[in-house]
Amino acid sequence: MSNIDYEKLMKPVIGFLGCETPKEWLDKAIQNLDILMLDHANCEKKAASTAMNLMFRYSFFTDLQVKLAQLVREEMLHYEQVLELMSKRGLELKSLSAGRYAGVLRKEIRTYEPEALIDVMIIGAFVEARSCERFYALASRVDDELARYYRYLLKSESRHYEDYLALAMDVATSSKLKNPKEDIQQRIAHIREVEKNLILSPDEMFRFHSGLPI
């Protein structure tokens, strides 16, 4: 896939997000590739776990089951691939405390259904879109092997965010919300601002989804 294709692929992803990753975070990432790769591995495993939990919790949504099953397989494959890259570089898999990103986003989930599930899907879309945007931004700054892998991830990560948005709309429509499109657009706009603030505000802990380094 050529550079022009990457740019075309990324345009809707970047348009969906409220901001692009600041240069300061990218500079910090290059200086801390060991932490970046370890947290990336953790993110892939958590993404698979989240999708699996949703499959059990919302087993009555058939379309949800199929999409999430595919997501679980892909996230676990990516987890294995990151572990392999880490092993080649002599990096050990070890525990790493979670950053603030996911926890703050989860606080925005409404406490009643189907709105709670819709919010989970929208937040999932933002997490996947941000991951995709960061892989794209990092690819031009890391070594060739890592750059190839990050570019390889772009297609699946960009599809994941679209899948989550489509699932949110499916849930809203099938649940007979009064104005499903309006509800989802309002939630996207709200969560976009929360996510943007997390990316652009100072953050004491460097992680894959962290904000401005202090």
C-alpha atoms as a PDB file:
ATOM      1  CA  MET A   1       0.000   0.000   0.000  1.00  0.00           C
ATOM      2  CA  SER A   2       1.488   3.345  -1.036  1.00  0.00           C
ATOM      3  CA  ASN A   3       1.760   6.533   0.999  1.00  0.00           C
ATOM      4  CA  ILE A   4      -1.146   8.079  -0.876  1.00  0.00           C
ATOM      5  CA  ASP A   5      -3.286   5.089   0.096  1.00  0.00           C
ATOM      6  CA  TYR A   6      -2.290   5.462   3.749  1.00  0.00           C
ATOM      7  CA  GLU A   7      -3.309   9.099   3.638  1.00  0.00           C
ATOM      8  CA  LYS A   8      -6.651   8.186   2.094  1.00  0.00           C
ATOM      9  CA  LEU A   9      -7.194   5.466   4.693  1.00  0.00           C
ATOM     10  CA  MET A  10      -6.394   7.810   7.567  1.00  0.00           C
ATOM     11  CA  LYS A  11      -8.443  10.814   6.467  1.00  0.00           C
ATOM     12  CA  PRO A  12     -11.773   9.663   7.990  1.00  0.00           C
ATOM     13  CA  VAL A  13     -10.003   8.410  11.120  1.00  0.00           C
ATOM     14  CA  ILE A  14      -8.345  11.757  11.779  1.00  0.00           C
ATOM     15  CA  GLY A  15     -11.570  13.545  10.871  1.00  0.00           C
ATOM     16  CA  PHE A  16     -13.435  11.479  13.481  1.00  0.00           C
ATOM     17  CA  LEU A  17     -11.004  12.413  16.257  1.00  0.00           C
ATOM     18  CA  GLY A  18     -10.998  15.834  17.878  1.00  0.00           C
ATOM     19  CA  CYS A  19      -7.246  16.354  17.478  1.00  0.00           C
ATOM     20  CA  GLU A  20      -4.041  14.741  16.253  1.00  0.00           C
ATOM     21  CA  THR A  21      -1.331  13.459  18.557  1.00  0.00           C
ATOM     22  CA  PRO A  22       1.007  16.281  19.673  1.00  0.00           C
ATOM     23  CA  LYS A  23       4.659  16.183  18.627  1.00  0.00           C
ATOM     24  CA  GLU A  24       5.666  16.170  22.310  1.00  0.00           C
ATOM     25  CA  TRP A  25       4.032  12.771  22.819  1.00  0.00           C
ATOM     26  CA  LEU A  26       5.695  11.369  19.698  1.00  0.00           C
ATOM     27  CA  ASP A  27       9.094  12.586  20.896  1.00  0.00           C
ATOM     28  CA  LYS A  28       8.500  10.927  24.264  1.00  0.00           C
ATOM     29  CA  ALA A  29       7.384   7.700  22.580  1.00  0.00           C
ATOM     30  CA  ILE A  30      10.584   7.425  20.535  1.00  0.00           C
ATOM     31  CA  GLN A  31      12.598   7.764  23.737  1.00  0.00           C
ATOM     32  CA  ASN A  32      10.518   5.090  25.502  1.00  0.00           C
ATOM     33  CA  LEU A  33       9.848   2.385  22.934  1.00  0.00           C
ATOM     34  CA  ASP A  34      10.102  -0.327  25.592  1.00  0.00           C
ATOM     35  CA  ILE A  35       7.194   1.146  27.587  1.00  0.00           C
ATOM     36  CA  LEU A  36       5.294   1.906  24.377  1.00  0.00           C
ATOM     37  CA  MET A  37       5.520  -1.689  23.133  1.00  0.00           C
ATOM     38  CA  LEU A  38       4.681  -3.161  26.525  1.00  0.00           C
ATOM     39  CA  ASP A  39       1.620  -0.962  26.889  1.00  0.00           C
ATOM     40  CA  HIS A  40       0.632  -1.681  23.273  1.00  0.00           C
ATOM     41  CA  ALA A  41       0.657  -5.385  24.121  1.00  0.00           C
ATOM     42  CA  ASN A  42      -1.488  -4.712  27.179  1.00  0.00           C
ATOM     43  CA  CYS A  43      -3.911  -2.657  25.071  1.00  0.00           C
ATOM     44  CA  GLU A  44      -4.370  -5.482  22.561  1.00  0.00           C
ATOM     45  CA  LYS A  45      -5.061  -7.978  25.348  1.00  0.00           C
ATOM     46  CA  LYS A  46      -7.499  -5.598  27.071  1.00  0.00           C
ATOM     47  CA  ALA A  47      -9.297  -4.945  23.783  1.00  0.00           C
ATOM     48  CA  ALA A  48      -9.804  -8.680  23.280  1.00  0.00           C
ATOM     49  CA  SER A  49     -10.997  -9.068  26.879  1.00  0.00           C
ATOM     50  CA  THR A  50     -13.458  -6.175  26.543  1.00  0.00           C
ATOM     51  CA  ALA A  51     -14.917  -7.609  23.342  1.00  0.00           C
ATOM     52  CA  MET A  52     -15.221 -11.050  24.928  1.00  0.00           C
ATOM     53  CA  ASN A  53     -16.993  -9.639  27.991  1.00  0.00           C
ATOM     54  CA  LEU A  54     -19.439  -7.800  25.733  1.00  0.00           C
ATOM     55  CA  MET A  55     -20.166 -11.057  23.892  1.00  0.00           C
ATOM     56  CA  PHE A  56     -21.232 -12.715  27.144  1.00  0.00           C
ATOM     57  CA  ARG A  57     -23.090  -9.712  28.550  1.00  0.00           C
ATOM     58  CA  TYR A  58     -25.075  -8.962  25.382  1.00  0.00           C
ATOM     59  CA  SER A  59     -25.481 -12.447  23.917  1.00  0.00           C
ATOM     60  CA  PHE A  60     -28.960 -11.598  22.570  1.00  0.00           C
ATOM     61  CA  PHE A  61     -27.528  -9.223  19.906  1.00  0.00           C
ATOM     62  CA  THR A  62     -26.646 -11.592  17.032  1.00  0.00           C
ATOM     63  CA  ASP A  63     -24.859  -9.007  14.857  1.00  0.00           C
ATOM     64  CA  LEU A  64     -22.865  -7.952  17.899  1.00  0.00           C
ATOM     65  CA  GLN A  65     -21.690 -11.533  18.456  1.00  0.00           C
ATOM     66  CA  VAL A  66     -20.277 -11.928  14.945  1.00  0.00           C
ATOM     67  CA  LYS A  67     -18.435  -8.590  14.890  1.00  0.00           C
ATOM     68  CA  LEU A  68     -17.046  -9.009  18.398  1.00  0.00           C
ATOM     69  CA  ALA A  69     -15.884 -12.577  17.716  1.00  0.00           C
ATOM     70  CA  GLN A  70     -13.885 -11.270  14.758  1.00  0.00           C
ATOM     71  CA  LEU A  71     -12.521  -8.465  16.923  1.00  0.00           C
ATOM     72  CA  VAL A  72     -11.399 -10.888  19.651  1.00  0.00           C
ATOM     73  CA  ARG A  73      -9.487 -13.004  17.104  1.00  0.00           C
ATOM     74  CA  GLU A  74      -7.750  -9.995  15.558  1.00  0.00           C
ATOM     75  CA  GLU A  75      -6.829  -8.377  18.875  1.00  0.00           C
ATOM     76  CA  MET A  76      -5.341 -11.636  20.187  1.00  0.00           C
ATOM     77  CA  LEU A  77      -3.375 -12.077  16.949  1.00  0.00           C
ATOM     78  CA  HIS A  78      -1.990  -8.550  17.377  1.00  0.00           C
ATOM     79  CA  TYR A  79      -1.139  -9.350  21.003  1.00  0.00           C
ATOM     80  CA  GLU A  80       0.876 -12.372  19.887  1.00  0.00           C
ATOM     81  CA  GLN A  81       2.616 -10.312  17.198  1.00  0.00           C
ATOM     82  CA  VAL A  82       3.628  -7.573  19.644  1.00  0.00           C
ATOM     83  CA  LEU A  83       4.949 -10.204  22.064  1.00  0.00           C
ATOM     84  CA  GLU A  84       7.043 -11.670  19.236  1.00  0.00           C
ATOM     85  CA  LEU A  85       8.469  -8.247  18.373  1.00  0.00           C
ATOM     86  CA  MET A  86       9.258  -7.612  22.033  1.00  0.00           C
ATOM     87  CA  SER A  87      10.999 -10.976  22.349  1.00  0.00           C
ATOM     88  CA  LYS A  88      13.174 -10.237  19.286  1.00  0.00           C
ATOM     89  CA  ARG A  89      14.228  -6.989  20.957  1.00  0.00           C
ATOM     90  CA  GLY A  90      14.961  -8.562  24.310  1.00  0.00           C
ATOM     91  CA  LEU A  91      12.006  -6.846  25.989  1.00  0.00           C
ATOM     92  CA  GLU A  92      10.372  -8.727  28.847  1.00  0.00           C
ATOM     93  CA  LEU A  93       6.614  -8.880  29.360  1.00  0.00           C
ATOM     94  CA  LYS A  94       5.910  -7.478  32.814  1.00  0.00           C
ATOM     95  CA  SER A  95       3.165  -5.729  34.719  1.00  0.00           C
ATOM     96  CA  LEU A  96       2.555  -2.087  33.883  1.00  0.00           C
ATOM     97  CA  SER A  97       0.121   0.176  35.684  1.00  0.00           C
ATOM     98  CA  ALA A  98      -2.738   1.534  33.609  1.00  0.00           C
ATOM     99  CA  GLY A  99      -2.816   5.135  32.483  1.00  0.00           C
ATOM    100  CA  ARG A 100      -5.777   7.466  32.981  1.00  0.00           C
ATOM    101  CA  TYR A 101      -7.198   7.256  29.443  1.00  0.00           C
ATOM    102  CA  ALA A 102      -9.582   4.291  29.561  1.00  0.00           C
ATOM    103  CA  GLY A 103     -10.731   4.979  33.118  1.00  0.00           C
ATOM    104  CA  VAL A 104     -11.735   8.566  32.375  1.00  0.00           C
ATOM    105  CA  LEU A 105     -13.582   7.527  29.217  1.00  0.00           C
ATOM    106  CA  ARG A 106     -15.452   4.787  31.094  1.00  0.00           C
ATOM    107  CA  LYS A 107     -16.802   7.372  33.536  1.00  0.00           C
ATOM    108  CA  GLU A 108     -18.828   8.790  30.633  1.00  0.00           C
ATOM    109  CA  ILE A 109     -20.842   5.583  30.199  1.00  0.00           C
ATOM    110  CA  ARG A 110     -24.492   6.104  31.065  1.00  0.00           C
ATOM    111  CA  THR A 111     -25.935   3.811  33.737  1.00  0.00           C
ATOM    112  CA  TYR A 112     -29.033   2.551  31.887  1.00  0.00           C
ATOM    113  CA  GLU A 113     -29.606   0.407  28.810  1.00  0.00           C
ATOM    114  CA  PRO A 114     -29.411   0.514  25.847  1.00  0.00           C
ATOM    115  CA  GLU A 115     -27.589   3.822  26.286  1.00  0.00           C
ATOM    116  CA  ALA A 116     -24.815   2.188  28.328  1.00  0.00           C
ATOM    117  CA  LEU A 117     -24.017  -0.265  25.535  1.00  0.00           C
ATOM    118  CA  ILE A 118     -24.175   2.526  22.950  1.00  0.00           C
ATOM    119  CA  ASP A 119     -21.641   4.542  24.966  1.00  0.00           C
ATOM    120  CA  VAL A 120     -19.356   1.505  25.306  1.00  0.00           C
ATOM    121  CA  MET A 121     -19.399   1.119  21.519  1.00  0.00           C
ATOM    122  CA  ILE A 122     -18.712   4.807  20.882  1.00  0.00           C
ATOM    123  CA  ILE A 123     -15.844   4.821  23.370  1.00  0.00           C
ATOM    124  CA  GLY A 124     -14.504   1.677  21.689  1.00  0.00           C
ATOM    125  CA  ALA A 125     -14.580   3.552  18.381  1.00  0.00           C
ATOM    126  CA  PHE A 126     -12.515   6.399  19.820  1.00  0.00           C
ATOM    127  CA  VAL A 127      -9.965   4.043  21.394  1.00  0.00           C
ATOM    128  CA  GLU A 128      -9.498   2.209  18.085  1.00  0.00           C
ATOM    129  CA  ALA A 129      -9.354   5.445  16.081  1.00  0.00           C
ATOM    130  CA  ARG A 130      -6.759   6.949  18.434  1.00  0.00           C
ATOM    131  CA  SER A 131      -4.674   3.780  18.271  1.00  0.00           C
ATOM    132  CA  CYS A 132      -4.822   3.913  14.478  1.00  0.00           C
ATOM    133  CA  GLU A 133      -3.844   7.595  14.405  1.00  0.00           C
ATOM    134  CA  ARG A 134      -0.874   6.980  16.704  1.00  0.00           C
ATOM    135  CA  PHE A 135       0.387   4.009  14.707  1.00  0.00           C
ATOM    136  CA  TYR A 136       0.251   6.184  11.602  1.00  0.00           C
ATOM    137  CA  ALA A 137       2.101   9.062  13.289  1.00  0.00           C
ATOM    138  CA  LEU A 138       4.729   6.747  14.780  1.00  0.00           C
ATOM    139  CA  ALA A 139       5.404   4.798  11.586  1.00  0.00           C
ATOM    140  CA  SER A 140       7.507   7.583  10.079  1.00  0.00           C
ATOM    141  CA  ARG A 141       9.608   7.932  13.239  1.00  0.00           C
ATOM    142  CA  VAL A 142      10.481   4.381  14.307  1.00  0.00           C
ATOM    143  CA  ASP A 143      12.820   1.744  12.834  1.00  0.00           C
ATOM    144  CA  ASP A 144      11.865  -0.079   9.619  1.00  0.00           C
ATOM    145  CA  GLU A 145      10.651  -3.283  11.275  1.00  0.00           C
ATOM    146  CA  LEU A 146       8.349  -1.464  13.684  1.00  0.00           C
ATOM    147  CA  ALA A 147       7.204   0.947  10.962  1.00  0.00           C
ATOM    148  CA  ARG A 148       6.152  -1.969   8.750  1.00  0.00           C
ATOM    149  CA  TYR A 149       4.176  -3.488  11.613  1.00  0.00           C
ATOM    150  CA  TYR A 150       2.438  -0.235  12.534  1.00  0.00           C
ATOM    151  CA  ARG A 151       1.422   0.316   8.917  1.00  0.00           C
ATOM    152  CA  TYR A 152       0.182  -3.266   8.761  1.00  0.00           C
ATOM    153  CA  LEU A 153      -2.105  -2.506  11.717  1.00  0.00           C
ATOM    154  CA  LEU A 154      -3.704   0.557  10.127  1.00  0.00           C
ATOM    155  CA  LYS A 155      -6.249  -1.311   8.025  1.00  0.00           C
ATOM    156  CA  SER A 156      -7.640  -3.435  10.853  1.00  0.00           C
ATOM    157  CA  GLU A 157      -7.611  -0.635  13.429  1.00  0.00           C
ATOM    158  CA  SER A 158      -9.442   1.719  11.072  1.00  0.00           C
ATOM    159  CA  ARG A 159     -12.030  -0.986  10.398  1.00  0.00           C
ATOM    160  CA  HIS A 160     -12.482  -1.623  14.120  1.00  0.00           C
ATOM    161  CA  TYR A 161     -13.524   1.954  14.817  1.00  0.00           C
ATOM    162  CA  GLU A 162     -16.042   1.812  11.971  1.00  0.00           C
ATOM    163  CA  ASP A 163     -17.385  -1.517  13.257  1.00  0.00           C
ATOM    164  CA  TYR A 164     -17.942  -0.069  16.730  1.00  0.00           C
ATOM    165  CA  LEU A 165     -19.841   2.907  15.297  1.00  0.00           C
ATOM    166  CA  ALA A 166     -21.981   0.626  13.133  1.00  0.00           C
ATOM    167  CA  LEU A 167     -22.760  -1.566  16.151  1.00  0.00           C
ATOM    168  CA  ALA A 168     -23.747   1.500  18.180  1.00  0.00           C
ATOM    169  CA  MET A 169     -26.219   2.471  15.472  1.00  0.00           C
ATOM    170  CA  ASP A 170     -27.541  -1.101  15.216  1.00  0.00           C
ATOM    171  CA  VAL A 171     -28.162  -1.214  18.962  1.00  0.00           C
ATOM    172  CA  ALA A 172     -29.826   2.211  18.960  1.00  0.00           C
ATOM    173  CA  THR A 173     -32.070   1.308  16.021  1.00  0.00           C
ATOM    174  CA  SER A 174     -33.061  -2.150  17.240  1.00  0.00           C
ATOM    175  CA  SER A 175     -33.794  -0.768  20.713  1.00  0.00           C
ATOM    176  CA  LYS A 176     -36.272   1.679  19.167  1.00  0.00           C
ATOM    177  CA  LEU A 177     -34.763   4.827  20.639  1.00  0.00           C
ATOM    178  CA  LYS A 178     -36.816   7.866  19.645  1.00  0.00           C
ATOM    179  CA  ASN A 179     -34.010   9.578  17.707  1.00  0.00           C
ATOM    180  CA  PRO A 180     -31.143   7.039  17.402  1.00  0.00           C
ATOM    181  CA  LYS A 181     -29.005   9.052  14.953  1.00  0.00           C
ATOM    182  CA  GLU A 182     -29.359  12.230  16.974  1.00  0.00           C
ATOM    183  CA  ASP A 183     -28.555  10.434  20.234  1.00  0.00           C
ATOM    184  CA  ILE A 184     -25.440   8.833  18.765  1.00  0.00           C
ATOM    185  CA  GLN A 185     -24.201  12.073  17.177  1.00  0.00           C
ATOM    186  CA  GLN A 186     -24.623  13.895  20.483  1.00  0.00           C
ATOM    187  CA  ARG A 187     -22.712  11.190  22.339  1.00  0.00           C
ATOM    188  CA  ILE A 188     -19.944  11.154  19.719  1.00  0.00           C
ATOM    189  CA  ALA A 189     -19.569  14.930  20.036  1.00  0.00           C
ATOM    190  CA  HIS A 190     -19.458  14.726  23.842  1.00  0.00           C
ATOM    191  CA  ILE A 191     -16.985  11.847  24.046  1.00  0.00           C
ATOM    192  CA  ARG A 192     -14.851  13.453  21.326  1.00  0.00           C
ATOM    193  CA  GLU A 193     -14.296  16.448  23.621  1.00  0.00           C
ATOM    194  CA  VAL A 194     -13.455  14.234  26.602  1.00  0.00           C
ATOM    195  CA  GLU A 195     -10.985  12.205  24.521  1.00  0.00           C
ATOM    196  CA  LYS A 196      -9.433  15.331  23.010  1.00  0.00           C
ATOM    197  CA  ASN A 197      -8.838  16.774  26.474  1.00  0.00           C
ATOM    198  CA  LEU A 198      -7.125  13.556  27.566  1.00  0.00           C
ATOM    199  CA  ILE A 199      -4.760  13.743  24.591  1.00  0.00           C
ATOM    200  CA  LEU A 200      -3.948  17.478  24.846  1.00  0.00           C
ATOM    201  CA  SER A 201      -3.756  17.955  28.632  1.00  0.00           C
ATOM    202  CA  PRO A 202      -0.637  17.273  30.764  1.00  0.00           C
ATOM    203  CA  ASP A 203      -0.230  13.659  31.844  1.00  0.00           C
ATOM    204  CA  GLU A 204       2.262  12.463  34.462  1.00  0.00           C
ATOM    205  CA  MET A 205       2.351   8.874  33.161  1.00  0.00           C
ATOM    206  CA  PHE A 206       3.568   7.938  29.680  1.00  0.00           C
ATOM    207  CA  ARG A 207       1.450   5.259  28.046  1.00  0.00           C
ATOM    208  CA  PHE A 208       0.228   4.388  24.545  1.00  0.00           C
ATOM    209  CA  HIS A 209      -2.873   6.564  25.006  1.00  0.00           C
ATOM    210  CA  SER A 210      -1.435   9.160  27.379  1.00  0.00           C
ATOM    211  CA  GLY A 211      -1.648  12.923  27.079  1.00  0.00           C
ATOM    212  CA  LEU A 212       1.034  15.611  26.927  1.00  0.00           C
ATOM    213  CA  PRO A 213       4.212  14.493  28.695  1.00  0.00           C
ATOM    214  CA  ILE A 214       5.167  16.549  31.733  1.00  0.00           C
END
